[in-house]
C-alpha cells in the first residue's frame, strides 16, 4: 500500500549539510525516529524547528489599571511597556 497523498501544498528544498549532520540523520533514520530515511528525518526536524520558531505566546499579561493606556512592545527581544500619555502634570 502506498503512502497517502499530502493535502498540504509542498515545495522541494535542497540542503547542504556537513558529513556529521548527514551521519546523525542516518542514525536517526536507522532507528526509525522521525522517518525511514535521511530526507524524512530532515523534513521532520526542520518542520519541528519552524513550528517552535513561530509558536504563538501561551498567555499574555494584562496591563495594570494605572497603565491601561500603555502599549507593550518588543524591543531587541525584550518586552517594554511605554505609556502613550505623559501622565500627571506638575
Protein backbone atom coordinates (compact mmCIF):
# COMPACT_ATOMS: atom_id res chain seq x y z
CA UNK A 1 0.00 0.00 0.00
CA UNK A 2 1.37 3.39 -0.99
CA UNK A 3 1.91 6.44 1.11
CA UNK A 4 -1.23 8.64 1.43
CA UNK A 5 -1.17 11.92 -0.51
CA UNK A 6 -0.31 15.03 1.46
CA UNK A 7 -3.20 17.53 1.49
CA UNK A 8 -0.80 20.45 2.02
CA UNK A 9 0.94 22.29 -0.76
CA UNK A 10 4.63 21.40 -0.62
CA UNK A 11 7.86 22.60 -2.20
CA UNK A 12 11.18 20.88 -2.66
CA UNK A 13 14.22 22.41 -0.96
CA UNK A 14 17.80 21.24 -1.37
CA UNK A 15 20.01 21.36 1.74
CA UNK A 16 23.78 21.15 2.02
CA UNK A 17 24.78 19.59 5.32
CA UNK A 18 28.06 18.59 6.89
CA UNK A 19 29.05 14.94 6.80
CA UNK A 20 28.47 14.73 10.55
CA UNK A 21 24.90 16.05 10.19
CA UNK A 22 24.15 13.52 7.46
CA UNK A 23 25.51 10.72 9.66
CA UNK A 24 23.26 11.87 12.51
CA UNK A 25 20.24 11.91 10.19
CA UNK A 26 21.16 8.40 9.01
CA UNK A 27 21.42 7.13 12.61
CA UNK A 28 18.00 8.55 13.45
CA UNK A 29 16.55 7.00 10.29
CA UNK A 30 18.05 3.59 11.11
CA UNK A 31 16.32 3.76 14.48
CA UNK A 32 13.07 4.78 12.79
CA UNK A 33 12.98 8.07 14.67
CA UNK A 34 11.23 10.85 12.69
CA UNK A 35 11.26 8.83 9.46
CA UNK A 36 12.61 5.93 7.44
CA UNK A 37 15.41 7.77 5.61
CA UNK A 38 17.61 10.84 5.96
CA UNK A 39 15.29 13.04 3.90
CA UNK A 40 12.23 12.15 6.02
CA UNK A 41 14.16 12.81 9.24
CA UNK A 42 15.47 16.15 7.96
CA UNK A 43 11.96 17.16 6.89
CA UNK A 44 10.51 16.38 10.33
CA UNK A 45 13.32 18.18 12.17
CA UNK A 46 13.05 21.32 10.01
CA UNK A 47 9.24 21.33 10.38
CA UNK A 48 9.52 20.96 14.17
CA UNK A 49 12.10 23.76 14.41
CA UNK A 50 9.96 26.11 12.31
CA UNK A 51 6.83 25.37 14.33
CA UNK A 52 8.75 26.12 17.52
CA UNK A 53 10.08 29.35 16.00
CA UNK A 54 6.63 30.68 15.13
CA UNK A 55 4.81 29.36 18.20
CA UNK A 56 2.24 31.89 19.45
CA UNK A 57 2.56 33.06 23.06
CA UNK A 58 0.91 30.75 25.58
CA UNK A 59 -0.55 33.66 27.55
CA UNK A 60 -0.49 37.42 27.78
CA UNK A 61 -0.14 39.56 30.86
CA UNK A 62 -2.95 42.08 31.43
CA UNK A 63 -1.85 45.65 31.96
CA UNK A 64 -2.46 47.17 35.38
CA UNK A 65 -5.24 49.77 35.59
CA UNK A 66 -2.86 52.69 36.01
CA UNK A 67 -1.02 51.53 32.86
CA UNK A 68 -4.09 50.80 30.73
CA UNK A 69 -3.03 53.47 28.23
CA UNK A 70 0.34 51.77 27.87
CA UNK A 71 1.21 49.55 24.98
CA UNK A 72 3.55 46.55 25.30
CA UNK A 73 6.30 46.44 22.68
CA UNK A 74 9.12 44.08 21.86
CA UNK A 75 12.48 45.76 21.51
CA UNK A 76 15.58 43.65 20.93
CA UNK A 77 13.80 40.56 22.25
CA UNK A 78 12.63 42.23 25.47
CA UNK A 79 9.13 43.34 26.37
CA UNK A 80 8.87 47.04 27.11
CA UNK A 81 5.80 48.96 28.20
CA UNK A 82 5.71 52.62 27.27
CA UNK A 83 2.92 54.98 28.28
CA UNK A 84 1.12 56.78 25.45
CA UNK A 85 0.40 59.85 27.57
CA UNK A 86 2.69 61.89 29.79
CA UNK A 87 0.72 61.18 32.96
CA UNK A 88 0.03 63.80 35.66
CA UNK A 89 1.22 67.32 35.00
CA UNK A 90 3.14 69.11 37.74
